[in-house]
């Protein structure tokens, strides 16, 4: 059985071989990717589309539907209701057209 120091040396050598093989394969992979991108007219933005990031979109501003008469705070009716309207009749807080 090999000694601890011999095994560490073997690991170091293997890590060097692994990194060399990775670098060699990466250069081939990059060349193939570039070839395919050129063939299909793809850009980097095309590749990241749909990978968890939404395309940059302007935020949609929703008009408020409800107003707290005491503080003037408003709520659009979307998401979790604020404490001032939760479990209450929302009709009394409804914003009428022209308000």
PDB file of N, CA and C in Angstrom:
ATOM      1  N   UNK A   1       0.844  -1.182   0.000  1.00  0.00           N
ATOM      2  CA  UNK A   1       0.000   0.000   0.000  1.00  0.00           C
ATOM      3  C   UNK A   1       0.894   1.252   0.000  1.00  0.00           C
ATOM      4  N   UNK A   2       0.467   2.260  -0.758  1.00  0.00           N
ATOM      5  CA  UNK A   2       1.234   3.496  -0.871  1.00  0.00           C
ATOM      6  C   UNK A   2       1.106   4.315   0.407  1.00  0.00           C
ATOM      7  N   UNK A   3       2.106   5.126   0.666  1.00  0.00           N
ATOM      8  CA  UNK A   3       2.073   5.990   1.843  1.00  0.00           C
ATOM      9  C   UNK A   3       1.219   7.214   1.541  1.00  0.00           C
ATOM     10  N   UNK A   4       0.897   7.905   2.601  1.00  0.00           N
ATOM     11  CA  UNK A   4       0.083   9.120   2.481  1.00  0.00           C
ATOM     12  C   UNK A   4       0.738  10.132   1.547  1.00  0.00           C
ATOM     13  N   UNK A   5       2.012  10.383   1.717  1.00  0.00           N
ATOM     14  CA  UNK A   5       2.710  11.365   0.887  1.00  0.00           C
ATOM     15  C   UNK A   5       2.776  10.917  -0.576  1.00  0.00           C
ATOM     16  N   UNK A   6       2.910   9.609  -0.804  1.00  0.00           N
ATOM     17  CA  UNK A   6       2.917   9.093  -2.177  1.00  0.00           C
ATOM     18  C   UNK A   6       1.543   9.295  -2.839  1.00  0.00           C
ATOM     19  N   UNK A   7       0.509   9.054  -2.059  1.00  0.00           N
ATOM     20  CA  UNK A   7      -0.845   9.251  -2.590  1.00  0.00           C
ATOM     21  C   UNK A   7      -1.121  10.727  -2.900  1.00  0.00           C
ATOM     22  N   UNK A   8      -0.644  11.613  -2.033  1.00  0.00           N
ATOM     23  CA  UNK A   8      -0.806  13.047  -2.295  1.00  0.00           C
ATOM     24  C   UNK A   8      -0.100  13.451  -3.585  1.00  0.00           C
ATOM     25  N   UNK A   9       1.098  12.919  -3.799  1.00  0.00           N
ATOM     26  CA  UNK A   9       1.856  13.216  -5.008  1.00  0.00           C
ATOM     27  C   UNK A   9       1.103  12.689  -6.234  1.00  0.00           C
ATOM     28  N   UNK A  10       0.535  11.477  -6.125  1.00  0.00           N
ATOM     29  CA  UNK A  10      -0.252  10.921  -7.224  1.00  0.00           C
ATOM     30  C   UNK A  10      -1.474  11.793  -7.518  1.00  0.00           C
ATOM     31  N   UNK A  11      -2.122  12.266  -6.455  1.00  0.00           N
ATOM     32  CA  UNK A  11      -3.293  13.130  -6.626  1.00  0.00           C
ATOM     33  C   UNK A  11      -2.903  14.408  -7.342  1.00  0.00           C
ATOM     34  N   UNK A  12      -1.773  14.993  -6.956  1.00  0.00           N
ATOM     35  CA  UNK A  12      -1.287  16.223  -7.583  1.00  0.00           C
ATOM     36  C   UNK A  12      -1.049  16.004  -9.079  1.00  0.00           C
ATOM     37  N   UNK A  13      -0.438  14.883  -9.420  1.00  0.00           N
ATOM     38  CA  UNK A  13      -0.185  14.553 -10.820  1.00  0.00           C
ATOM     39  C   UNK A  13      -1.493  14.340 -11.588  1.00  0.00           C
ATOM     40  N   UNK A  14      -2.432  13.638 -10.947  1.00  0.00           N
ATOM     41  CA  UNK A  14      -3.734  13.420 -11.585  1.00  0.00           C
ATOM     42  C   UNK A  14      -4.472  14.733 -11.811  1.00  0.00           C
ATOM     43  N   UNK A  15      -4.415  15.640 -10.839  1.00  0.00           N
ATOM     44  CA  UNK A  15      -5.073  16.936 -10.979  1.00  0.00           C
ATOM     45  C   UNK A  15      -4.474  17.723 -12.143  1.00  0.00           C
ATOM     46  N   UNK A  16      -3.156  17.634 -12.333  1.00  0.00           N
ATOM     47  CA  UNK A  16      -2.516  18.296 -13.471  1.00  0.00           C
ATOM     48  C   UNK A  16      -2.996  17.684 -14.776  1.00  0.00           C
ATOM     49  N   UNK A  17      -3.085  16.353 -14.829  1.00  0.00           N
ATOM     50  CA  UNK A  17      -3.556  15.677 -16.036  1.00  0.00           C
ATOM     51  C   UNK A  17      -5.020  16.020 -16.332  1.00  0.00           C
ATOM     52  N   UNK A  18      -5.820  16.079 -15.275  1.00  0.00           N
ATOM     53  CA  UNK A  18      -7.241  16.428 -15.428  1.00  0.00           C
ATOM     54  C   UNK A  18      -7.378  17.825 -15.998  1.00  0.00           C
ATOM     55  N   UNK A  19      -6.629  18.776 -15.465  1.00  0.00           N
ATOM     56  CA  UNK A  19      -6.704  20.155 -15.937  1.00  0.00           C
ATOM     57  C   UNK A  19      -6.238  20.270 -17.385  1.00  0.00           C
ATOM     58  N   UNK A  20      -5.180  19.544 -17.750  1.00  0.00           N
ATOM     59  CA  UNK A  20      -4.686  19.570 -19.134  1.00  0.00           C
ATOM     60  C   UNK A  20      -5.729  18.998 -20.089  1.00  0.00           C
ATOM     61  N   UNK A  21      -6.364  17.893 -19.693  1.00  0.00           N
ATOM     62  CA  UNK A  21      -7.399  17.290 -20.536  1.00  0.00           C
ATOM     63  C   UNK A  21      -8.601  18.218 -20.666  1.00  0.00           C
ATOM     64  N   UNK A  22      -8.957  18.874 -19.578  1.00  0.00           N
ATOM     65  CA  UNK A  22     -10.081  19.812 -19.597  1.00  0.00           C
ATOM     66  C   UNK A  22      -9.803  20.965 -20.547  1.00  0.00           C
ATOM     67  N   UNK A  23      -8.626  21.547 -20.458  1.00  0.00           N
ATOM     68  CA  UNK A  23      -8.254  22.662 -21.328  1.00  0.00           C
ATOM     69  C   UNK A  23      -8.306  22.251 -22.797  1.00  0.00           C
ATOM     70  N   UNK A  24      -7.807  21.066 -23.092  1.00  0.00           N
ATOM     71  CA  UNK A  24      -7.804  20.583 -24.469  1.00  0.00           C
ATOM     72  C   UNK A  24      -9.237  20.390 -24.975  1.00  0.00           C
ATOM     73  N   UNK A  25     -10.077  19.784 -24.167  1.00  0.00           N
ATOM     74  CA  UNK A  25     -11.459  19.553 -24.569  1.00  0.00           C
ATOM     75  C   UNK A  25     -12.246  20.854 -24.654  1.00  0.00           C
ATOM     76  N   UNK A  26     -11.938  21.804 -23.764  1.00  0.00           N
ATOM     77  CA  UNK A  26     -12.621  23.098 -23.795  1.00  0.00           C
ATOM     78  C   UNK A  26     -12.365  23.833 -25.094  1.00  0.00           C
ATOM     79  N   UNK A  27     -11.135  23.817 -25.563  1.00  0.00           N
ATOM     80  CA  UNK A  27     -10.832  24.532 -26.802  1.00  0.00           C
ATOM     81  C   UNK A  27     -11.610  23.918 -27.962  1.00  0.00           C
ATOM     82  N   UNK A  28     -11.765  22.613 -27.984  1.00  0.00           N
ATOM     83  CA  UNK A  28     -12.566  21.956 -29.015  1.00  0.00           C
ATOM     84  C   UNK A  28     -14.042  22.287 -28.886  1.00  0.00           C
ATOM     85  N   UNK A  29     -14.521  22.330 -27.657  1.00  0.00           N
ATOM     86  CA  UNK A  29     -15.928  22.647 -27.419  1.00  0.00           C
ATOM     87  C   UNK A  29     -16.232  24.082 -27.839  1.00  0.00           C
ATOM     88  N   UNK A  30     -15.330  25.008 -27.497  1.00  0.00           N
ATOM     89  CA  UNK A  30     -15.528  26.409 -27.880  1.00  0.00           C
ATOM     90  C   UNK A  30     -15.563  26.559 -29.390  1.00  0.00           C
ATOM     91  N   UNK A  31     -14.674  25.866 -30.083  1.00  0.00           N
ATOM     92  CA  UNK A  31     -14.641  25.935 -31.542  1.00  0.00           C
ATOM     93  C   UNK A  31     -15.951  25.414 -32.134  1.00  0.00           C
ATOM     94  N   UNK A  32     -16.472  24.327 -31.581  1.00  0.00           N
ATOM     95  CA  UNK A  32     -17.729  23.751 -32.059  1.00  0.00           C
ATOM     96  C   UNK A  32     -18.891  24.702 -31.803  1.00  0.00           C
ATOM     97  N   UNK A  33     -18.912  25.325 -30.636  1.00  0.00           N
ATOM     98  CA  UNK A  33     -19.974  26.282 -30.299  1.00  0.00           C
ATOM     99  C   UNK A  33     -19.944  27.459 -31.262  1.00  0.00           C
ATOM    100  N   UNK A  34     -18.768  28.005 -31.520  1.00  0.00           N
ATOM    101  CA  UNK A  34     -18.644  29.132 -32.436  1.00  0.00           C
ATOM    102  C   UNK A  34     -19.096  28.732 -33.832  1.00  0.00           C
ATOM    103  N   UNK A  35     -18.725  27.539 -34.246  1.00  0.00           N
ATOM    104  CA  UNK A  35     -19.128  27.039 -35.568  1.00  0.00           C
ATOM    105  C   UNK A  35     -20.654  26.968 -35.670  1.00  0.00           C
ATOM    106  N   UNK A  36     -21.302  26.408 -34.641  1.00  0.00           N
ATOM    107  CA  UNK A  36     -22.758  26.299 -34.644  1.00  0.00           C
ATOM    108  C   UNK A  36     -23.433  27.672 -34.580  1.00  0.00           C
ATOM    109  N   UNK A  37     -22.870  28.582 -33.793  1.00  0.00           N
ATOM    110  CA  UNK A  37     -23.439  29.925 -33.702  1.00  0.00           C
ATOM    111  C   UNK A  37     -23.375  30.622 -35.056  1.00  0.00           C
ATOM    112  N   UNK A  38     -22.239  30.485 -35.748  1.00  0.00           N
ATOM    113  CA  UNK A  38     -22.097  31.080 -37.077  1.00  0.00           C
ATOM    114  C   UNK A  38     -23.074  30.436 -38.063  1.00  0.00           C
ATOM    115  N   UNK A  39     -23.215  29.119 -37.984  1.00  0.00           N
ATOM    116  CA  UNK A  39     -24.076  28.396 -38.913  1.00  0.00           C
ATOM    117  C   UNK A  39     -25.532  28.836 -38.783  1.00  0.00           C
ATOM    118  N   UNK A  40     -25.982  29.047 -37.536  1.00  0.00           N
ATOM    119  CA  UNK A  40     -27.378  29.387 -37.299  1.00  0.00           C
ATOM    120  C   UNK A  40     -27.614  30.872 -37.020  1.00  0.00           C
ATOM    121  N   UNK A  41     -26.566  31.674 -37.073  1.00  0.00           N
ATOM    122  CA  UNK A  41     -26.708  33.105 -36.839  1.00  0.00           C
ATOM    123  C   UNK A  41     -27.122  33.447 -35.422  1.00  0.00           C
ATOM    124  N   UNK A  42     -26.642  32.680 -34.465  1.00  0.00           N
ATOM    125  CA  UNK A  42     -26.996  32.908 -33.062  1.00  0.00           C
ATOM    126  C   UNK A  42     -26.053  33.909 -32.413  1.00  0.00           C
ATOM    127  N   UNK A  43     -26.568  34.613 -31.399  1.00  0.00           N
ATOM    128  CA  UNK A  43     -25.756  35.517 -30.585  1.00  0.00           C
ATOM    129  C   UNK A  43     -25.717  34.981 -29.158  1.00  0.00           C
ATOM    130  N   UNK A  44     -24.877  35.575 -28.342  1.00  0.00           N
ATOM    131  CA  UNK A  44     -24.808  35.159 -26.930  1.00  0.00           C
ATOM    132  C   UNK A  44     -26.154  35.389 -26.236  1.00  0.00           C
ATOM    133  N   UNK A  45     -26.843  36.461 -26.599  1.00  0.00           N
ATOM    134  CA  UNK A  45     -28.149  36.753 -26.004  1.00  0.00           C
ATOM    135  C   UNK A  45     -29.149  35.653 -26.335  1.00  0.00           C
ATOM    136  N   UNK A  46     -29.056  35.096 -27.547  1.00  0.00           N
ATOM    137  CA  UNK A  46     -29.944  33.991 -27.919  1.00  0.00           C
ATOM    138  C   UNK A  46     -29.724  32.790 -27.013  1.00  0.00           C
ATOM    139  N   UNK A  47     -28.497  32.580 -26.594  1.00  0.00           N
ATOM    140  CA  UNK A  47     -28.178  31.407 -25.787  1.00  0.00           C
ATOM    141  C   UNK A  47     -28.660  31.530 -24.347  1.00  0.00           C
ATOM    142  N   UNK A  48     -28.666  32.727 -23.794  1.00  0.00           N
ATOM    143  CA  UNK A  48     -29.089  32.883 -22.400  1.00  0.00           C
ATOM    144  C   UNK A  48     -30.589  33.080 -22.278  1.00  0.00           C
ATOM    145  N   UNK A  49     -31.269  33.308 -23.386  1.00  0.00           N
ATOM    146  CA  UNK A  49     -32.707  33.491 -23.377  1.00  0.00           C
ATOM    147  C   UNK A  49     -33.372  32.234 -22.822  1.00  0.00           C
ATOM    148  N   UNK A  50     -34.268  32.402 -21.868  1.00  0.00           N
ATOM    149  CA  UNK A  50     -34.979  31.267 -21.315  1.00  0.00           C
ATOM    150  C   UNK A  50     -34.197  30.468 -20.297  1.00  0.00           C
ATOM    151  N   UNK A  51     -33.099  30.990 -19.816  1.00  0.00           N
ATOM    152  CA  UNK A  51     -32.306  30.260 -18.820  1.00  0.00           C
ATOM    153  C   UNK A  51     -32.449  30.905 -17.440  1.00  0.00           C
ATOM    154  N   UNK A  52     -33.673  31.240 -17.074  1.00  0.00           N
ATOM    155  CA  UNK A  52     -33.895  31.767 -15.742  1.00  0.00           C
ATOM    156  C   UNK A  52     -33.952  33.278 -15.684  1.00  0.00           C
ATOM    157  N   UNK A  53     -33.446  33.937 -16.685  1.00  0.00           N
ATOM    158  CA  UNK A  53     -33.503  35.390 -16.700  1.00  0.00           C
ATOM    159  C   UNK A  53     -34.583  35.828 -17.676  1.00  0.00           C
ATOM    160  N   UNK A  54     -35.467  36.651 -17.202  1.00  0.00           N
ATOM    161  CA  UNK A  54     -36.497  37.181 -18.074  1.00  0.00           C
ATOM    162  C   UNK A  54     -35.888  38.289 -18.922  1.00  0.00           C
ATOM    163  N   UNK A  55     -36.342  38.427 -20.148  1.00  0.00           N
ATOM    164  CA  UNK A  55     -35.833  39.537 -20.955  1.00  0.00           C
ATOM    165  C   UNK A  55     -36.198  40.857 -20.285  1.00  0.00           C
ATOM    166  N   UNK A  56     -35.399  41.847 -20.527  1.00  0.00           N
ATOM    167  CA  UNK A  56     -35.647  43.149 -19.904  1.00  0.00           C
ATOM    168  C   UNK A  56     -36.978  43.703 -20.404  1.00  0.00           C
ATOM    169  N   UNK A  57     -37.886  43.852 -19.474  1.00  0.00           N
ATOM    170  CA  UNK A  57     -39.193  44.393 -19.807  1.00  0.00           C
ATOM    171  C   UNK A  57     -39.478  45.550 -18.873  1.00  0.00           C
ATOM    172  N   UNK A  58     -40.192  46.510 -19.406  1.00  0.00           N
ATOM    173  CA  UNK A  58     -40.588  47.632 -18.572  1.00  0.00           C
ATOM    174  C   UNK A  58     -41.594  47.129 -17.537  1.00  0.00           C
ATOM    175  N   UNK A  59     -41.492  47.618 -16.327  1.00  0.00           N
ATOM    176  CA  UNK A  59     -42.441  47.226 -15.303  1.00  0.00           C
ATOM    177  C   UNK A  59     -43.800  47.826 -15.636  1.00  0.00           C
ATOM    178  N   UNK A  60     -44.805  47.019 -15.464  1.00  0.00           N
ATOM    179  CA  UNK A  60     -46.163  47.483 -15.722  1.00  0.00           C
ATOM    180  C   UNK A  60     -46.696  48.097 -14.442  1.00  0.00           C
ATOM    181  N   UNK A  61     -47.061  49.356 -14.533  1.00  0.00           N
ATOM    182  CA  UNK A  61     -47.608  50.038 -13.364  1.00  0.00           C
ATOM    183  C   UNK A  61     -49.110  49.808 -13.344  1.00  0.00           C
ATOM    184  N   UNK A  62     -49.597  49.269 -12.241  1.00  0.00           N
ATOM    185  CA  UNK A  62     -51.016  48.982 -12.085  1.00  0.00           C
ATOM    186  C   UNK A  62     -51.635  50.081 -11.246  1.00  0.00           C
ATOM    187  N   UNK A  63     -52.750  50.600 -11.731  1.00  0.00           N
ATOM    188  CA  UNK A  63     -53.442  51.661 -10.984  1.00  0.00           C
ATOM    189  C   UNK A  63     -53.983  51.101  -9.676  1.00  0.00           C
ATOM    190  N   UNK A  64     -53.925  51.899  -8.631  1.00  0.00           N
ATOM    191  CA  UNK A  64     -54.469  51.426  -7.354  1.00  0.00           C
ATOM    192  C   UNK A  64     -55.989  51.318  -7.412  1.00  0.00           C
ATOM    193  N   UNK A  65     -56.532  50.329  -6.726  1.00  0.00           N
ATOM    194  CA  UNK A  65     -57.981  50.136  -6.659  1.00  0.00           C
ATOM    195  C   UNK A  65     -58.553  50.537  -5.302  1.00  0.00           C
ATOM    196  N   UNK A  66     -57.664  50.561  -4.310  1.00  0.00           N
ATOM    197  CA  UNK A  66     -58.124  50.833  -2.950  1.00  0.00           C
ATOM    198  C   UNK A  66     -57.244  51.891  -2.290  1.00  0.00           C
ATOM    199  N   UNK A  67     -57.869  52.732  -1.432  1.00  0.00           N
ATOM    200  CA  UNK A  67     -57.131  53.776  -0.721  1.00  0.00           C
ATOM    201  C   UNK A  67     -57.560  53.778   0.740  1.00  0.00           C
ATOM    202  N   UNK A  68     -56.564  53.920   1.610  1.00  0.00           N
ATOM    203  CA  UNK A  68     -56.831  54.048   3.035  1.00  0.00           C
ATOM    204  C   UNK A  68     -57.189  55.511   3.284  1.00  0.00           C
ATOM    205  N   UNK A  69     -58.423  55.803   3.714  1.00  0.00           N
ATOM    206  CA  UNK A  69     -58.824  57.203   3.907  1.00  0.00           C
ATOM    207  C   UNK A  69     -58.052  57.918   5.020  1.00  0.00           C
ATOM    208  N   UNK A  70     -57.499  57.159   5.951  1.00  0.00           N
ATOM    209  CA  UNK A  70     -56.774  57.772   7.064  1.00  0.00           C
ATOM    210  C   UNK A  70     -55.357  58.190   6.672  1.00  0.00           C
ATOM    211  N   UNK A  71     -54.673  57.358   5.916  1.00  0.00           N
ATOM    212  CA  UNK A  71     -53.262  57.625   5.592  1.00  0.00           C
ATOM    213  C   UNK A  71     -53.025  57.989   4.136  1.00  0.00           C
ATOM    214  N   UNK A  72     -53.979  57.660   3.271  1.00  0.00           N
ATOM    215  CA  UNK A  72     -53.787  57.913   1.842  1.00  0.00           C
ATOM    216  C   UNK A  72     -53.032  56.801   1.134  1.00  0.00           C
ATOM    217  N   UNK A  73     -52.622  55.765   1.870  1.00  0.00           N
ATOM    218  CA  UNK A  73     -51.940  54.631   1.247  1.00  0.00           C
ATOM    219  C   UNK A  73     -52.875  53.964   0.254  1.00  0.00           C
ATOM    220  N   UNK A  74     -52.284  53.437  -0.824  1.00  0.00           N
ATOM    221  CA  UNK A  74     -53.085  52.759  -1.829  1.00  0.00           C
ATOM    222  C   UNK A  74     -52.627  51.324  -1.997  1.00  0.00           C
ATOM    223  N   UNK A  75     -53.509  50.529  -2.628  1.00  0.00           N
ATOM    224  CA  UNK A  75     -53.205  49.136  -2.925  1.00  0.00           C
ATOM    225  C   UNK A  75     -53.877  48.787  -4.240  1.00  0.00           C
ATOM    226  N   UNK A  76     -53.170  48.065  -5.092  1.00  0.00           N
ATOM    227  CA  UNK A  76     -53.678  47.723  -6.422  1.00  0.00           C
ATOM    228  C   UNK A  76     -54.650  46.555  -6.403  1.00  0.00           C
ATOM    229  N   UNK A  77     -54.688  45.820  -5.320  1.00  0.00           N
ATOM    230  CA  UNK A  77     -55.520  44.634  -5.264  1.00  0.00           C
ATOM    231  C   UNK A  77     -54.750  43.376  -5.620  1.00  0.00           C
ATOM    232  N   UNK A  78     -53.468  43.550  -5.920  1.00  0.00           N
ATOM    233  CA  UNK A  78     -52.610  42.413  -6.251  1.00  0.00           C
ATOM    234  C   UNK A  78     -51.706  42.093  -5.076  1.00  0.00           C
ATOM    235  N   UNK A  79     -51.427  40.808  -4.919  1.00  0.00           N
ATOM    236  CA  UNK A  79     -50.526  40.398  -3.851  1.00  0.00           C
ATOM    237  C   UNK A  79     -51.213  40.385  -2.502  1.00  0.00           C
ATOM    238  N   UNK A  80     -50.413  40.278  -1.476  1.00  0.00           N
ATOM    239  CA  UNK A  80     -50.927  40.207  -0.111  1.00  0.00           C
ATOM    240  C   UNK A  80     -51.517  41.560   0.275  1.00  0.00           C
ATOM    241  N   UNK A  81     -52.739  41.562   0.794  1.00  0.00           N
ATOM    242  CA  UNK A  81     -53.342  42.846   1.173  1.00  0.00           C
ATOM    243  C   UNK A  81     -52.648  43.466   2.377  1.00  0.00           C
ATOM    244  N   UNK A  82     -52.524  44.793   2.380  1.00  0.00           N
ATOM    245  CA  UNK A  82     -51.930  45.458   3.537  1.00  0.00           C
ATOM    246  C   UNK A  82     -52.839  45.330   4.761  1.00  0.00           C
ATOM    247  N   UNK A  83     -52.260  45.545   5.908  1.00  0.00           N
ATOM    248  CA  UNK A  83     -52.987  45.365   7.173  1.00  0.00           C
ATOM    249  C   UNK A  83     -54.239  46.228   7.250  1.00  0.00           C
ATOM    250  N   UNK A  84     -54.221  47.418   6.689  1.00  0.00           N
ATOM    251  CA  UNK A  84     -55.360  48.326   6.813  1.00  0.00           C
ATOM    252  C   UNK A  84     -56.594  47.856   6.037  1.00  0.00           C
ATOM    253  N   UNK A  85     -56.442  46.873   5.131  1.00  0.00           N
ATOM    254  CA  UNK A  85     -57.587  46.393   4.359  1.00  0.00           C
ATOM    255  C   UNK A  85     -57.843  44.897   4.573  1.00  0.00           C
ATOM    256  N   UNK A  86     -56.891  44.215   5.161  1.00  0.00           N
ATOM    257  CA  UNK A  86     -57.016  42.765   5.349  1.00  0.00           C
ATOM    258  C   UNK A  86     -58.226  42.440   6.209  1.00  0.00           C
ATOM    259  N   UNK A  87     -58.987  41.452   5.779  1.00  0.00           N
ATOM    260  CA  UNK A  87     -60.164  40.953   6.498  1.00  0.00           C
ATOM    261  C   UNK A  87     -61.239  42.009   6.704  1.00  0.00           C
ATOM    262  N   UNK A  88     -61.301  42.992   5.814  1.00  0.00           N
ATOM    263  CA  UNK A  88     -62.330  44.037   5.888  1.00  0.00           C
ATOM    264  C   UNK A  88     -63.065  44.091   4.562  1.00  0.00           C
ATOM    265  N   UNK A  89     -64.214  44.729   4.570  1.00  0.00           N
ATOM    266  CA  UNK A  89     -64.986  44.905   3.343  1.00  0.00           C
ATOM    267  C   UNK A  89     -64.250  45.898   2.457  1.00  0.00           C
ATOM    268  N   UNK A  90     -63.789  45.431   1.319  1.00  0.00           N
ATOM    269  CA  UNK A  90     -62.970  46.270   0.431  1.00  0.00           C
ATOM    270  C   UNK A  90     -63.771  47.364  -0.259  1.00  0.00           C
ATOM    271  N   UNK A  91     -65.075  47.218  -0.319  1.00  0.00           N
ATOM    272  CA  UNK A  91     -65.908  48.215  -0.998  1.00  0.00           C
ATOM    273  C   UNK A  91     -65.748  49.598  -0.368  1.00  0.00           C
ATOM    274  N   UNK A  92     -65.565  49.636   0.935  1.00  0.00           N
ATOM    275  CA  UNK A  92     -65.433  50.929   1.614  1.00  0.00           C
ATOM    276  C   UNK A  92     -64.109  51.631   1.296  1.00  0.00           C
ATOM    277  N   UNK A  93     -63.134  50.875   0.749  1.00  0.00           N
ATOM    278  CA  UNK A  93     -61.834  51.442   0.407  1.00  0.00           C
ATOM    279  C   UNK A  93     -61.670  51.647  -1.109  1.00  0.00           C
ATOM    280  N   UNK A  94     -62.664  51.237  -1.879  1.00  0.00           N
ATOM    281  CA  UNK A  94     -62.552  51.284  -3.347  1.00  0.00           C
ATOM    282  C   UNK A  94     -62.380  52.713  -3.818  1.00  0.00           C
ATOM    283  N   UNK A  95     -61.499  52.896  -4.775  1.00  0.00           N
ATOM    284  CA  UNK A  95     -61.277  54.213  -5.372  1.00  0.00           C
ATOM    285  C   UNK A  95     -62.253  54.359  -6.520  1.00  0.00           C
ATOM    286  N   UNK A  96     -63.035  55.424  -6.474  1.00  0.00           N
ATOM    287  CA  UNK A  96     -63.994  55.707  -7.537  1.00  0.00           C
ATOM    288  C   UNK A  96     -63.283  56.461  -8.651  1.00  0.00           C
ATOM    289  N   UNK A  97     -63.763  56.322  -9.883  1.00  0.00           N
ATOM    290  CA  UNK A  97     -63.151  57.059 -10.994  1.00  0.00           C
ATOM    291  C   UNK A  97     -63.195  58.555 -10.682  1.00  0.00           C
ATOM    292  N   UNK A  98     -62.084  59.215 -10.919  1.00  0.00           N
ATOM    293  CA  UNK A  98     -61.985  60.653 -10.686  1.00  0.00           C
ATOM    294  C   UNK A  98     -61.464  61.005  -9.312  1.00  0.00           C
ATOM    295  N   UNK A  99     -61.188  60.024  -8.475  1.00  0.00           N
ATOM    296  CA  UNK A  99     -60.664  60.308  -7.137  1.00  0.00           C
ATOM    297  C   UNK A  99     -59.191  60.476  -7.168  1.00  0.00           C
TER     298      UNK A  99
END
